[in-house]
C-alpha atoms as a PDB file:
ATOM      1  CA  MET A   1     -18.543  78.256 -36.464  1.00  0.00           C
ATOM      2  CA  SER A   2     -19.156  76.411 -33.307  1.00  0.00           C
ATOM      3  CA  ILE A   3     -18.389  72.895 -32.191  1.00  0.00           C
ATOM      4  CA  GLU A   4     -21.184  71.105 -30.101  1.00  0.00           C
ATOM      5  CA  LEU A   5     -21.016  67.628 -28.543  1.00  0.00           C
ATOM      6  CA  ILE A   6     -24.437  66.454 -27.436  1.00  0.00           C
ATOM      7  CA  ASP A   7     -24.794  63.562 -25.037  1.00  0.00           C
ATOM      8  CA  ILE A   8     -22.040  61.480 -26.764  1.00  0.00           C
ATOM      9  CA  HIS A   9     -21.828  57.789 -25.746  1.00  0.00           C
ATOM     10  CA  LYS A  10     -19.077  55.409 -27.127  1.00  0.00           C
ATOM     11  CA  ALA A  11     -18.145  51.894 -26.086  1.00  0.00           C
ATOM     12  CA  PHE A  12     -15.638  49.574 -27.575  1.00  0.00           C
ATOM     13  CA  GLY A  13     -16.930  46.089 -26.830  1.00  0.00           C
ATOM     14  CA  PRO A  14     -17.898  45.933 -23.132  1.00  0.00           C
ATOM     15  CA  LYS A  15     -15.642  48.911 -22.314  1.00  0.00           C
ATOM     16  CA  ARG A  16     -17.702  52.139 -22.134  1.00  0.00           C
ATOM     17  CA  ILE A  17     -15.380  55.137 -22.799  1.00  0.00           C
ATOM     18  CA  LEU A  18     -17.837  58.088 -23.245  1.00  0.00           C
ATOM     19  CA  ARG A  19     -21.036  58.099 -21.070  1.00  0.00           C
ATOM     20  CA  GLY A  20     -22.767  61.277 -22.168  1.00  0.00           C
ATOM     21  CA  VAL A  21     -20.257  63.945 -23.047  1.00  0.00           C
ATOM     22  CA  SER A  22     -21.803  67.275 -23.738  1.00  0.00           C
ATOM     23  CA  LEU A  23     -19.626  70.359 -24.565  1.00  0.00           C
ATOM     24  CA  THR A  24     -19.858  73.343 -26.660  1.00  0.00           C
ATOM     25  CA  VAL A  25     -16.908  75.390 -28.067  1.00  0.00           C
ATOM     26  CA  ASP A  26     -18.043  78.698 -29.313  1.00  0.00           C
ATOM     27  CA  GLU A  27     -16.695  80.608 -32.361  1.00  0.00           C
ATOM     28  CA  GLY A  28     -13.213  81.998 -31.806  1.00  0.00           C
ATOM     29  CA  GLU A  29     -12.883  80.227 -28.464  1.00  0.00           C
ATOM     30  CA  THR A  30     -10.029  77.981 -27.224  1.00  0.00           C
ATOM     31  CA  VAL A  31     -11.210  75.321 -25.000  1.00  0.00           C
ATOM     32  CA  SER A  32      -8.932  72.665 -23.277  1.00  0.00           C
ATOM     33  CA  LEU A  33     -10.403  69.230 -22.518  1.00  0.00           C
ATOM     34  CA  VAL A  34      -8.428  67.780 -19.560  1.00  0.00           C
ATOM     35  CA  GLY A  35      -8.565  64.495 -17.763  1.00  0.00           C
ATOM     36  CA  PHE A  36      -6.637  61.458 -16.743  1.00  0.00           C
ATOM     37  CA  SER A  37      -4.855  59.211 -19.311  1.00  0.00           C
ATOM     38  CA  GLY A  38      -7.456  56.861 -20.801  1.00  0.00           C
ATOM     39  CA  ALA A  39     -10.436  59.188 -19.884  1.00  0.00           C
ATOM     40  CA  GLY A  40     -11.550  59.372 -23.526  1.00  0.00           C
ATOM     41  CA  LYS A  41     -10.167  62.824 -24.482  1.00  0.00           C
ATOM     42  CA  SER A  42      -8.724  61.687 -27.834  1.00  0.00           C
ATOM     43  CA  VAL A  43     -11.766  59.538 -28.519  1.00  0.00           C
ATOM     44  CA  THR A  44     -13.897  62.673 -28.099  1.00  0.00           C
ATOM     45  CA  LEU A  45     -11.675  64.572 -30.593  1.00  0.00           C
ATOM     46  CA  LYS A  46     -12.000  61.817 -33.172  1.00  0.00           C
ATOM     47  CA  HIS A  47     -15.817  62.189 -32.986  1.00  0.00           C
ATOM     48  CA  ILE A  48     -15.606  65.892 -33.920  1.00  0.00           C
ATOM     49  CA  ALA A  49     -13.356  64.934 -37.059  1.00  0.00           C
ATOM     50  CA  GLY A  50     -15.740  62.104 -37.904  1.00  0.00           C
ATOM     51  CA  LEU A  51     -13.217  59.551 -37.550  1.00  0.00           C
ATOM     52  CA  LEU A  52     -15.607  57.749 -35.009  1.00  0.00           C
ATOM     53  CA  LYS A  53     -19.386  57.688 -34.764  1.00  0.00           C
ATOM     54  CA  PRO A  54     -21.167  57.795 -31.468  1.00  0.00           C
ATOM     55  CA  ASP A  55     -23.311  54.909 -30.326  1.00  0.00           C
ATOM     56  CA  ARG A  56     -25.585  57.577 -29.058  1.00  0.00           C
ATOM     57  CA  GLY A  57     -25.894  61.368 -29.218  1.00  0.00           C
ATOM     58  CA  THR A  58     -24.433  63.604 -31.942  1.00  0.00           C
ATOM     59  CA  VAL A  59     -21.904  66.056 -32.990  1.00  0.00           C
ATOM     60  CA  VAL A  60     -22.699  69.357 -34.639  1.00  0.00           C
ATOM     61  CA  VAL A  61     -19.846  71.361 -36.398  1.00  0.00           C
ATOM     62  CA  ASP A  62     -20.526  74.492 -38.515  1.00  0.00           C
ATOM     63  CA  GLY A  63     -24.323  73.651 -38.271  1.00  0.00           C
ATOM     64  CA  LEU A  64     -23.748  70.221 -39.668  1.00  0.00           C
ATOM     65  CA  ASP A  65     -24.674  66.935 -38.044  1.00  0.00           C
ATOM     66  CA  VAL A  66     -21.309  65.170 -38.423  1.00  0.00           C
ATOM     67  CA  PRO A  67     -22.381  61.428 -37.921  1.00  0.00           C
ATOM     68  CA  THR A  68     -24.980  61.651 -40.663  1.00  0.00           C
ATOM     69  CA  LEU A  69     -22.806  63.355 -43.283  1.00  0.00           C
ATOM     70  CA  SER A  70     -21.948  61.409 -46.468  1.00  0.00           C
ATOM     71  CA  ARG A  71     -18.309  60.588 -47.154  1.00  0.00           C
ATOM     72  CA  LYS A  72     -18.148  63.460 -49.643  1.00  0.00           C
ATOM     73  CA  ASP A  73     -19.717  65.996 -47.368  1.00  0.00           C
ATOM     74  CA  LEU A  74     -17.490  64.837 -44.469  1.00  0.00           C
ATOM     75  CA  TYR A  75     -14.430  65.347 -46.670  1.00  0.00           C
ATOM     76  CA  VAL A  76     -15.562  68.945 -47.417  1.00  0.00           C
ATOM     77  CA  LEU A  77     -15.980  69.576 -43.697  1.00  0.00           C
ATOM     78  CA  ARG A  78     -12.646  68.197 -42.803  1.00  0.00           C
ATOM     79  CA  LEU A  79     -11.097  70.728 -45.114  1.00  0.00           C
ATOM     80  CA  GLN A  80     -12.323  73.232 -42.482  1.00  0.00           C
ATOM     81  CA  MET A  81     -10.570  71.403 -39.708  1.00  0.00           C
ATOM     82  CA  GLY A  82      -6.806  71.317 -38.915  1.00  0.00           C
ATOM     83  CA  TYR A  83      -5.862  68.258 -36.905  1.00  0.00           C
ATOM     84  CA  VAL A  84      -2.565  68.467 -34.895  1.00  0.00           C
ATOM     85  CA  PHE A  85      -1.581  64.848 -34.006  1.00  0.00           C
ATOM     86  CA  GLN A  86       0.117  64.035 -30.771  1.00  0.00           C
ATOM     87  CA  PHE A  87       3.348  62.824 -32.546  1.00  0.00           C
ATOM     88  CA  ALA A  88       3.062  65.102 -35.621  1.00  0.00           C
ATOM     89  CA  ALA A  89       2.336  62.116 -37.951  1.00  0.00           C
ATOM     90  CA  LEU A  90       4.827  63.314 -40.520  1.00  0.00           C
ATOM     91  CA  PHE A  91       5.967  61.040 -43.227  1.00  0.00           C
ATOM     92  CA  ASP A  92       9.689  60.368 -42.676  1.00  0.00           C
ATOM     93  CA  SER A  93      10.493  59.866 -46.289  1.00  0.00           C
ATOM     94  CA  MET A  94       9.274  63.381 -47.296  1.00  0.00           C
ATOM     95  CA  THR A  95      10.732  66.737 -46.648  1.00  0.00           C
ATOM     96  CA  ILE A  96       8.693  69.184 -44.534  1.00  0.00           C
ATOM     97  CA  ALA A  97       7.569  71.069 -47.665  1.00  0.00           C
ATOM     98  CA  GLU A  98       6.552  67.757 -49.305  1.00  0.00           C
ATOM     99  CA  ASN A  99       4.506  66.829 -46.116  1.00  0.00           C
ATOM    100  CA  LEU A 100       2.709  70.125 -46.302  1.00  0.00           C
ATOM    101  CA  ALA A 101       2.178  69.925 -50.005  1.00  0.00           C
ATOM    102  CA  MET A 102       0.650  66.631 -50.140  1.00  0.00           C
ATOM    103  CA  GLY A 103      -2.683  67.714 -48.753  1.00  0.00           C
ATOM    104  CA  LEU A 104      -2.692  71.118 -50.405  1.00  0.00           C
ATOM    105  CA  ARG A 105      -2.428  69.469 -53.838  1.00  0.00           C
ATOM    106  CA  LYS A 106      -5.937  67.987 -53.248  1.00  0.00           C
ATOM    107  CA  LEU A 107      -7.334  71.467 -53.189  1.00  0.00           C
ATOM    108  CA  GLU A 108      -8.916  72.778 -56.142  1.00  0.00           C
ATOM    109  CA  GLY A 109      -7.429  75.946 -57.836  1.00  0.00           C
ATOM    110  CA  MET A 110      -4.010  75.833 -56.160  1.00  0.00           C
ATOM    111  CA  SER A 111      -1.007  76.097 -58.515  1.00  0.00           C
ATOM    112  CA  GLU A 112       2.410  74.911 -57.585  1.00  0.00           C
ATOM    113  CA  HIS A 113       3.322  78.614 -57.048  1.00  0.00           C
ATOM    114  CA  ASP A 114       0.336  79.080 -54.711  1.00  0.00           C
ATOM    115  CA  ILE A 115       1.303  75.833 -52.889  1.00  0.00           C
ATOM    116  CA  ARG A 116       4.923  77.064 -52.407  1.00  0.00           C
ATOM    117  CA  ASP A 117       3.696  80.372 -51.081  1.00  0.00           C
ATOM    118  CA  ARG A 118       1.268  78.686 -48.665  1.00  0.00           C
ATOM    119  CA  ILE A 119       3.957  76.360 -47.402  1.00  0.00           C
ATOM    120  CA  LYS A 120       6.441  79.229 -46.684  1.00  0.00           C
ATOM    121  CA  GLU A 121       3.668  81.343 -44.963  1.00  0.00           C
ATOM    122  CA  SER A 122       2.623  78.295 -42.765  1.00  0.00           C
ATOM    123  CA  LEU A 123       6.161  77.638 -41.762  1.00  0.00           C
ATOM    124  CA  ASP A 124       6.780  81.245 -41.013  1.00  0.00           C
ATOM    125  CA  ARG A 125       3.769  81.301 -38.785  1.00  0.00           C
ATOM    126  CA  VAL A 126       5.267  78.576 -36.636  1.00  0.00           C
ATOM    127  CA  GLU A 127       8.826  79.912 -36.605  1.00  0.00           C
ATOM    128  CA  LEU A 128      10.335  77.238 -38.938  1.00  0.00           C
ATOM    129  CA  GLU A 129      11.510  79.641 -41.677  1.00  0.00           C
ATOM    130  CA  GLY A 130      13.797  77.855 -44.148  1.00  0.00           C
ATOM    131  CA  PHE A 131      12.955  74.426 -43.000  1.00  0.00           C
ATOM    132  CA  GLU A 132      11.191  73.372 -46.171  1.00  0.00           C
ATOM    133  CA  ASN A 133      13.906  70.939 -47.404  1.00  0.00           C
ATOM    134  CA  ARG A 134      14.621  69.316 -44.017  1.00  0.00           C
ATOM    135  CA  TYR A 135      13.302  65.741 -43.180  1.00  0.00           C
ATOM    136  CA  PRO A 136      11.417  64.974 -39.908  1.00  0.00           C
ATOM    137  CA  ALA A 137      14.438  63.045 -38.689  1.00  0.00           C
ATOM    138  CA  GLU A 138      16.508  66.185 -38.701  1.00  0.00           C
ATOM    139  CA  LEU A 139      14.045  68.011 -36.464  1.00  0.00           C
ATOM    140  CA  SER A 140      13.814  68.087 -32.677  1.00  0.00           C
ATOM    141  CA  GLY A 141      10.593  66.950 -31.041  1.00  0.00           C
ATOM    142  CA  GLY A 142       9.343  70.572 -30.556  1.00  0.00           C
ATOM    143  CA  GLN A 143      10.154  71.368 -34.301  1.00  0.00           C
ATOM    144  CA  ARG A 144       8.220  68.337 -35.434  1.00  0.00           C
ATOM    145  CA  LYS A 145       5.230  69.476 -33.392  1.00  0.00           C
ATOM    146  CA  ARG A 146       5.538  72.824 -35.036  1.00  0.00           C
ATOM    147  CA  ALA A 147       5.711  71.293 -38.415  1.00  0.00           C
ATOM    148  CA  GLY A 148       2.580  69.362 -37.698  1.00  0.00           C
ATOM    149  CA  LEU A 149       0.820  72.568 -36.685  1.00  0.00           C
ATOM    150  CA  ALA A 150       2.096  74.214 -39.958  1.00  0.00           C
ATOM    151  CA  ARG A 151       0.556  71.426 -42.008  1.00  0.00           C
ATOM    152  CA  ALA A 152      -2.793  71.854 -40.004  1.00  0.00           C
ATOM    153  CA  ILE A 153      -3.005  75.580 -40.673  1.00  0.00           C
ATOM    154  CA  ALA A 154      -1.788  75.375 -44.308  1.00  0.00           C
ATOM    155  CA  TYR A 155      -5.548  74.571 -45.176  1.00  0.00           C
ATOM    156  CA  ARG A 156      -6.525  77.862 -43.453  1.00  0.00           C
ATOM    157  CA  PRO A 157      -9.075  76.032 -41.351  1.00  0.00           C
ATOM    158  CA  LYS A 158     -11.928  77.376 -39.289  1.00  0.00           C
ATOM    159  CA  TYR A 159     -11.171  74.893 -36.647  1.00  0.00           C
ATOM    160  CA  LEU A 160      -7.969  73.441 -35.024  1.00  0.00           C
ATOM    161  CA  LEU A 161      -8.119  70.206 -33.050  1.00  0.00           C
ATOM    162  CA  TYR A 162      -4.956  69.675 -30.957  1.00  0.00           C
ATOM    163  CA  ASP A 163      -4.298  66.028 -29.547  1.00  0.00           C
ATOM    164  CA  GLU A 164      -1.742  66.523 -26.682  1.00  0.00           C
ATOM    165  CA  PRO A 165       0.352  69.214 -28.372  1.00  0.00           C
ATOM    166  CA  THR A 166       2.831  69.545 -25.566  1.00  0.00           C
ATOM    167  CA  SER A 167       3.142  65.893 -24.490  1.00  0.00           C
ATOM    168  CA  GLY A 168       6.703  64.762 -24.058  1.00  0.00           C
ATOM    169  CA  LEU A 169       8.162  68.354 -24.390  1.00  0.00           C
ATOM    170  CA  ASP A 170      10.546  70.119 -21.911  1.00  0.00           C
ATOM    171  CA  PRO A 171       9.129  73.312 -20.253  1.00  0.00           C
ATOM    172  CA  VAL A 172      10.849  75.798 -22.582  1.00  0.00           C
ATOM    173  CA  THR A 173       9.540  73.988 -25.749  1.00  0.00           C
ATOM    174  CA  THR A 174       6.100  73.628 -24.112  1.00  0.00           C
ATOM    175  CA  THR A 175       6.032  77.459 -23.611  1.00  0.00           C
ATOM    176  CA  VAL A 176       6.859  77.905 -27.317  1.00  0.00           C
ATOM    177  CA  ILE A 177       4.031  75.630 -28.324  1.00  0.00           C
ATOM    178  CA  ASP A 178       1.588  77.436 -25.949  1.00  0.00           C
ATOM    179  CA  ARG A 179       2.418  80.698 -27.530  1.00  0.00           C
ATOM    180  CA  LEU A 180       1.909  79.310 -31.020  1.00  0.00           C
ATOM    181  CA  ILE A 181      -1.478  78.021 -30.068  1.00  0.00           C
ATOM    182  CA  MET A 182      -2.452  81.448 -28.698  1.00  0.00           C
ATOM    183  CA  ARG A 183      -1.061  83.202 -31.888  1.00  0.00           C
ATOM    184  CA  MET A 184      -3.076  80.970 -34.144  1.00  0.00           C
ATOM    185  CA  LYS A 185      -6.148  82.236 -32.360  1.00  0.00           C
ATOM    186  CA  GLU A 186      -5.144  85.928 -32.679  1.00  0.00           C
ATOM    187  CA  ASP A 187      -3.855  85.693 -36.176  1.00  0.00           C
ATOM    188  CA  LEU A 188      -6.275  83.286 -37.761  1.00  0.00           C
ATOM    189  CA  GLY A 189      -9.345  83.585 -35.619  1.00  0.00           C
ATOM    190  CA  VAL A 190      -9.735  79.984 -35.336  1.00  0.00           C
ATOM    191  CA  THR A 191     -12.023  77.996 -33.019  1.00  0.00           C
ATOM    192  CA  SER A 192      -9.862  75.310 -31.157  1.00  0.00           C
ATOM    193  CA  LEU A 193     -10.300  72.343 -28.961  1.00  0.00           C
ATOM    194  CA  VAL A 194      -7.105  71.248 -27.171  1.00  0.00           C
ATOM    195  CA  ILE A 195      -6.735  67.761 -25.578  1.00  0.00           C
ATOM    196  CA  THR A 196      -4.211  67.934 -22.730  1.00  0.00           C
ATOM    197  CA  HIS A 197      -3.359  66.679 -19.319  1.00  0.00           C
ATOM    198  CA  ASP A 198      -0.836  69.556 -18.825  1.00  0.00           C
ATOM    199  CA  MET A 199      -2.691  72.006 -16.595  1.00  0.00           C
ATOM    200  CA  GLY A 200      -0.033  74.636 -16.810  1.00  0.00           C
ATOM    201  CA  SER A 201      -0.507  74.824 -20.559  1.00  0.00           C
ATOM    202  CA  ALA A 202      -4.411  74.715 -20.225  1.00  0.00           C
ATOM    203  CA  TYR A 203      -4.316  77.656 -17.802  1.00  0.00           C
ATOM    204  CA  LYS A 204      -2.273  79.740 -20.236  1.00  0.00           C
ATOM    205  CA  ILE A 205      -3.999  78.976 -23.605  1.00  0.00           C
ATOM    206  CA  SER A 206      -7.636  78.534 -22.638  1.00  0.00           C
ATOM    207  CA  ASP A 207     -10.750  80.673 -22.557  1.00  0.00           C
ATOM    208  CA  ARG A 208     -12.392  77.705 -20.791  1.00  0.00           C
ATOM    209  CA  ILE A 209     -11.354  74.438 -19.591  1.00  0.00           C
ATOM    210  CA  ALA A 210     -13.506  71.216 -19.390  1.00  0.00           C
ATOM    211  CA  MET A 211     -12.705  68.202 -17.219  1.00  0.00           C
ATOM    212  CA  LEU A 212     -13.584  64.753 -18.577  1.00  0.00           C
ATOM    213  CA  TYR A 213     -13.935  62.074 -15.833  1.00  0.00           C
ATOM    214  CA  GLU A 214     -15.465  58.659 -16.157  1.00  0.00           C
ATOM    215  CA  GLY A 215     -16.823  59.413 -19.663  1.00  0.00           C
ATOM    216  CA  ARG A 216     -18.487  62.681 -18.587  1.00  0.00           C
ATOM    217  CA  VAL A 217     -17.694  66.331 -18.512  1.00  0.00           C
ATOM    218  CA  VAL A 218     -17.924  67.048 -14.811  1.00  0.00           C
ATOM    219  CA  GLU A 219     -16.998  70.754 -14.881  1.00  0.00           C
ATOM    220  CA  VAL A 220     -16.478  73.513 -17.392  1.00  0.00           C
ATOM    221  CA  GLY A 221     -15.202  77.033 -16.509  1.00  0.00           C
ATOM    222  CA  THR A 222     -12.467  79.689 -17.071  1.00  0.00           C
ATOM    223  CA  PRO A 223      -9.022  78.921 -15.877  1.00  0.00           C
ATOM    224  CA  ALA A 224      -9.615  80.915 -12.769  1.00  0.00           C
ATOM    225  CA  ASP A 225     -13.018  79.006 -12.170  1.00  0.00           C
ATOM    226  CA  ILE A 226     -11.171  75.629 -12.473  1.00  0.00           C
ATOM    227  CA  GLN A 227      -8.349  76.768 -10.139  1.00  0.00           C
ATOM    228  CA  ALA A 228     -10.973  77.798  -7.476  1.00  0.00           C
ATOM    229  CA  SER A 229     -13.276  74.826  -8.049  1.00  0.00           C
ATOM    230  CA  GLY A 230     -15.083  73.501  -5.112  1.00  0.00           C
ATOM    231  CA  SER A 231     -15.313  69.977  -6.644  1.00  0.00           C
ATOM    232  CA  LYS A 232     -12.949  67.412  -5.047  1.00  0.00           C
ATOM    233  CA  VAL A 233     -12.631  65.586  -8.383  1.00  0.00           C
ATOM    234  CA  VAL A 234     -11.486  68.601 -10.117  1.00  0.00           C
ATOM    235  CA  ARG A 235      -9.218  69.938  -7.364  1.00  0.00           C
ATOM    236  CA  GLY A 236      -7.749  66.383  -6.804  1.00  0.00           C
ATOM    237  CA  PHE A 237      -6.768  66.246 -10.541  1.00  0.00           C
ATOM    238  CA  VAL A 238      -5.207  69.555 -10.813  1.00  0.00           C
ATOM    239  CA  GLU A 239      -3.463  69.352  -7.485  1.00  0.00           C
ATOM    240  CA  GLY A 240      -2.394  65.755  -8.181  1.00  0.00           C
ATOM    241  CA  LYS A 241      -4.271  64.183  -5.172  1.00  0.00           C
ATOM    242  CA  PRO A 242      -5.729  60.814  -6.285  1.00  0.00           C
ATOM    243  CA  GLU A 243      -7.301  60.285  -2.859  1.00  0.00           C
ATOM    244  CA  MET A 244      -9.265  63.593  -3.124  1.00  0.00           C
ATOM    245  CA  VAL A 245     -10.454  62.467  -6.628  1.00  0.00           C
ATOM    246  CA  GLU A 246     -11.715  59.037  -5.426  1.00  0.00           C
ATOM    247  CA  GLU A 247     -13.414  60.673  -2.392  1.00  0.00           C
ATOM    248  CA  GLY A 248     -15.129  63.262  -4.648  1.00  0.00           C
ATOM    249  CA  ALA A 249     -16.272  60.735  -7.218  1.00  0.00           C
ATOM    250  CA  GLU A 250     -17.886  58.594  -4.427  1.00  0.00           C
ATOM    251  CA  GLU A 251     -19.651  61.734  -3.040  1.00  0.00           C
ATOM    252  CA  GLN A 252     -20.874  62.760  -6.464  1.00  0.00           C
ATOM    253  CA  GLY A 253     -21.783  59.250  -7.762  1.00  0.00           C
ATOM    254  CA  LEU A 254     -19.224  59.578 -10.631  1.00  0.00           C
ATOM    255  CA  SER A 255     -17.452  56.203 -10.081  1.00  0.00           C
ATOM    256  CA  ALA A 256     -17.549  53.641 -12.994  1.00  0.00           C
END
């Protein structure tokens, strides 16, 4: 039940985004992938879900070589993945229950009674009890993020992929989301990759943190390792010192 990225390269036209990304997320682990905006974090996540194919390298999830899977096999694998979108991606014309039910109705063997129970259970897990009949427009930004998480866990996935789960949230709501991410690991035993540039959040939720810079993973370690890093690129990022990042990149030959 691991996720393994092996020497992933990806370009869009002349623009090279990923330049040899390698990273392993072990079973039951929560890894945060951090880096500057535009560094390729979300592109990396889309490769894991099979939404993009690498130009070079491969992705292995659950022992399966994702880029080589047929459409049918990729669909089956995606049922094991919960994808939490940056802006929740809820359908505005549907209630929260209808948003969750839409995917569940594609699963074999689930009756309408089973679906209602799964919706209630999933909303309870993210502290949205009684929100079934509300519409996305009636929810705050944080509540919409939680509804998106409820939809992701409704499948009871092995893996959770989070794309900027705390982006645009106030500090209190960010703490709520961080706690829910940790609770999903404890309660469901999921393996998670979290895309974020929020270092405070990353330090709280992660077993390990990986930094993506110029299309490469330049350092991986525990939160304590990252905080004590000797790399100027890493320290400059976490301390908000762009001059240090540039200096470290030149020293290590990491510039584009």
